[in-house]
């Protein structure tokens, strides 16, 4: 059975995203999202970019700490 929800363009985008991206669903306390969005905007990034940069920096720091 095929899923015919949405327009063909939407289905194509969803198919591409499913093949090329993993999804994360972080939950944050009420009110923190606005803080994170403002911080991201102040740096000229989207919230998604800001989170990815923060995660990459944290992984890099942790990797250096465990290697030392």
Protein backbone atom coordinates (compact mmCIF):
# COMPACT_ATOMS: atom_id res chain seq x y z
CA UNK A 1 0.00 0.00 0.00
CA UNK A 2 1.45 3.37 -0.98
CA UNK A 3 1.20 6.43 1.20
CA UNK A 4 -0.43 9.21 -0.84
CA UNK A 5 -0.46 11.87 1.87
CA UNK A 6 0.73 15.28 0.74
CA UNK A 7 1.74 16.62 -2.61
CA UNK A 8 4.27 14.83 -4.81
CA UNK A 9 6.84 17.51 -3.90
CA UNK A 10 6.28 16.93 -0.19
CA UNK A 11 6.60 13.18 -0.60
CA UNK A 12 9.84 13.66 -2.55
CA UNK A 13 11.28 15.92 0.17
CA UNK A 14 10.27 13.47 2.88
CA UNK A 15 11.86 10.59 0.99
CA UNK A 16 15.10 12.58 0.51
CA UNK A 17 15.19 13.61 4.18
CA UNK A 18 14.58 10.05 5.37
CA UNK A 19 17.48 8.80 3.25
CA UNK A 20 19.95 11.55 4.18
CA UNK A 21 19.24 12.69 7.73
CA UNK A 22 18.76 11.22 11.20
CA UNK A 23 16.17 12.93 13.37
CA UNK A 24 16.69 13.94 16.98
CA UNK A 25 13.91 15.06 19.26
CA UNK A 26 15.44 16.97 22.17
CA UNK A 27 13.07 17.98 24.92
CA UNK A 28 13.89 21.13 26.88
CA UNK A 29 12.18 22.79 29.84
CA UNK A 30 9.45 25.31 29.02
CA UNK A 31 10.94 28.68 28.16
CA UNK A 32 14.41 27.39 27.24
CA UNK A 33 13.57 27.08 23.54
CA UNK A 34 13.15 30.85 23.31
CA UNK A 35 16.54 31.33 24.99
CA UNK A 36 18.20 28.95 22.53
CA UNK A 37 16.47 30.56 19.54
CA UNK A 38 17.62 34.02 20.63
CA UNK A 39 21.19 32.81 21.09
CA UNK A 40 21.16 31.16 17.65
CA UNK A 41 19.74 34.28 16.02
CA UNK A 42 22.39 36.45 17.70
CA UNK A 43 25.09 34.36 16.02
CA UNK A 44 23.35 34.36 12.65
CA UNK A 45 22.49 30.66 12.76
CA UNK A 46 19.26 28.75 12.66
CA UNK A 47 18.34 26.86 15.81
CA UNK A 48 19.22 23.59 14.07
CA UNK A 49 22.67 24.90 13.02
CA UNK A 50 23.28 26.24 16.51
CA UNK A 51 22.45 22.90 18.12
CA UNK A 52 24.64 20.99 15.64
CA UNK A 53 27.59 23.33 16.28
CA UNK A 54 27.14 23.03 20.04
CA UNK A 55 27.01 19.23 19.86
CA UNK A 56 30.07 19.06 17.60
CA UNK A 57 32.03 21.33 19.96
CA UNK A 58 31.02 19.23 22.96
CA UNK A 59 32.05 15.99 21.26
CA UNK A 60 35.40 17.54 20.27
CA UNK A 61 36.04 18.73 23.85
CA UNK A 62 35.09 15.36 25.32
CA UNK A 63 37.28 13.52 22.82
CA UNK A 64 40.28 15.69 23.70
CA UNK A 65 39.63 15.16 27.41
CA UNK A 66 39.54 11.37 27.12
CA UNK A 67 42.66 11.30 24.92
CA UNK A 68 44.77 13.30 27.39
